[in-house]
Protein backbone atom coordinates (compact mmCIF):
# COMPACT_ATOMS: atom_id res chain seq x y z
CA UNK A 1 0.04 -0.02 0.01
CA UNK A 2 2.89 2.34 0.66
CA UNK A 3 4.19 2.00 -2.83
CA UNK A 4 0.69 2.61 -4.21
CA UNK A 5 0.70 5.90 -2.23
CA UNK A 6 4.19 6.70 -3.53
CA UNK A 7 3.20 5.99 -7.10
CA UNK A 8 0.08 8.17 -6.69
CA UNK A 9 2.20 11.05 -5.41
CA UNK A 10 4.69 10.51 -8.29
CA UNK A 11 1.78 10.73 -10.73
CA UNK A 12 0.55 13.95 -9.04
CA UNK A 13 4.02 15.50 -9.13
CA UNK A 14 4.47 14.62 -12.79
CA UNK A 15 1.25 16.35 -13.68
CA UNK A 16 1.55 19.23 -11.23
CA UNK A 17 1.75 21.90 -13.99
CA UNK A 18 -1.94 21.26 -14.76
CA UNK A 19 -2.65 23.38 -11.74
CA UNK A 20 -2.61 26.99 -12.86
CA UNK A 21 -2.87 28.78 -9.51
CA UNK A 22 0.66 29.01 -8.09
CA UNK A 23 -0.42 28.96 -4.50
CA UNK A 24 -2.60 25.87 -5.06
CA UNK A 25 0.18 24.18 -7.05
CA UNK A 26 2.70 24.80 -4.21
CA UNK A 27 0.20 23.39 -1.64
CA UNK A 28 -0.49 20.23 -3.68
CA UNK A 29 3.17 19.76 -4.38
CA UNK A 30 4.07 20.20 -0.74
CA UNK A 31 1.46 17.65 0.39
CA UNK A 32 2.51 15.13 -2.25
CA UNK A 33 6.16 15.42 -1.15
CA UNK A 34 5.19 15.07 2.47
CA UNK A 35 3.13 11.88 1.84
CA UNK A 36 5.87 10.36 -0.27
CA UNK A 37 8.53 11.26 2.44
CA UNK A 38 6.50 9.79 5.28
CA UNK A 39 5.89 6.57 3.27
CA UNK A 40 9.68 6.17 2.67
CA UNK A 41 10.40 6.98 6.29
CA UNK A 42 8.06 4.22 7.48
CA UNK A 43 9.17 1.72 4.89
CA UNK A 44 12.90 2.14 5.76
CA UNK A 45 12.08 1.90 9.44
CA UNK A 46 10.15 -1.31 8.93
CA UNK A 47 12.31 -3.15 6.28
CA UNK A 48 15.94 -2.04 7.06
CA UNK A 49 18.34 -1.91 9.98
CA UNK A 50 18.00 1.06 12.24
CA UNK A 51 19.64 4.29 11.18
CA UNK A 52 23.07 4.70 12.97
CA UNK A 53 24.02 8.33 13.44
CA UNK A 54 27.67 7.29 13.79
CA UNK A 55 27.74 4.67 11.05
CA UNK A 56 27.87 4.62 7.32
CA UNK A 57 24.29 3.27 6.90
CA UNK A 58 25.47 1.49 3.76
CA UNK A 59 23.12 -1.52 4.34
CA UNK A 60 20.14 -2.12 2.13
CA UNK A 61 17.12 0.10 2.67
CA UNK A 62 14.12 0.22 0.29
CA UNK A 63 13.76 0.98 -3.40
CA UNK A 64 13.55 4.73 -4.13
CA UNK A 65 11.20 5.59 -7.01
CA UNK A 66 10.71 9.23 -7.80
CA UNK A 67 8.87 8.80 -11.08
CA UNK A 68 5.67 6.94 -11.93
CA UNK A 69 6.75 3.31 -12.23
CA UNK A 70 5.49 -0.30 -12.02
CA UNK A 71 8.03 -1.21 -9.29
CA UNK A 72 8.74 -4.59 -10.92
CA UNK A 73 12.52 -4.18 -11.39
CA UNK A 74 13.74 -1.57 -8.90
CA UNK A 75 16.83 -2.16 -6.83
CA UNK A 76 17.07 -1.31 -3.22
CA UNK A 77 18.86 1.84 -2.19
CA UNK A 78 21.03 2.18 0.87
CA UNK A 79 19.67 3.25 4.25
CA UNK A 80 21.55 6.55 3.93
CA UNK A 81 20.10 7.24 0.42
CA UNK A 82 16.55 6.59 1.76
CA UNK A 83 16.94 8.99 4.69
């Protein structure tokens, strides 16, 4: 479900220029980025090792997808890249 939400926000961000009012466009963009960020934060906390402030955090995190995608062949990013 998280990746469904991420893909929905990616679709919104790709089509954001449809919104002509700059204030409304900024609001929608901000909300979409927030939702995507929270999804990635929760996914990496659930499926990766804990973040280590003193470490390299080079272990596997979750796949990062910033464009609309089917998620079938996406490689995992590092924990540091996700954060």
